[in-house]
């Protein structure tokens, strides 16, 4: 496996917060794509698979990461 080389004045990346994609992607319509900076309407299953693969890469490099999910009905789901 190739070594990831990211240089920063802060130091080595040790922890990451990830948001797991979910149903919110189904709200992206052709009319809203540009506003949300998408080139096309995303396929939820493909986005989730890519996210899971990214999480695997982080684990392979022994980074600790936290999955962040917004639960419907929770106070976090109303943050703007």
Foldseek 3Di string as FASTA:
>chain_A
DDDDDDDDPVDDQAEEEAEQDDPVLVPCDPVCCVVVVHPDRDDNVVSNVVVVVVVVVCVVVPHHYHYDYDDPPDPVVPDD
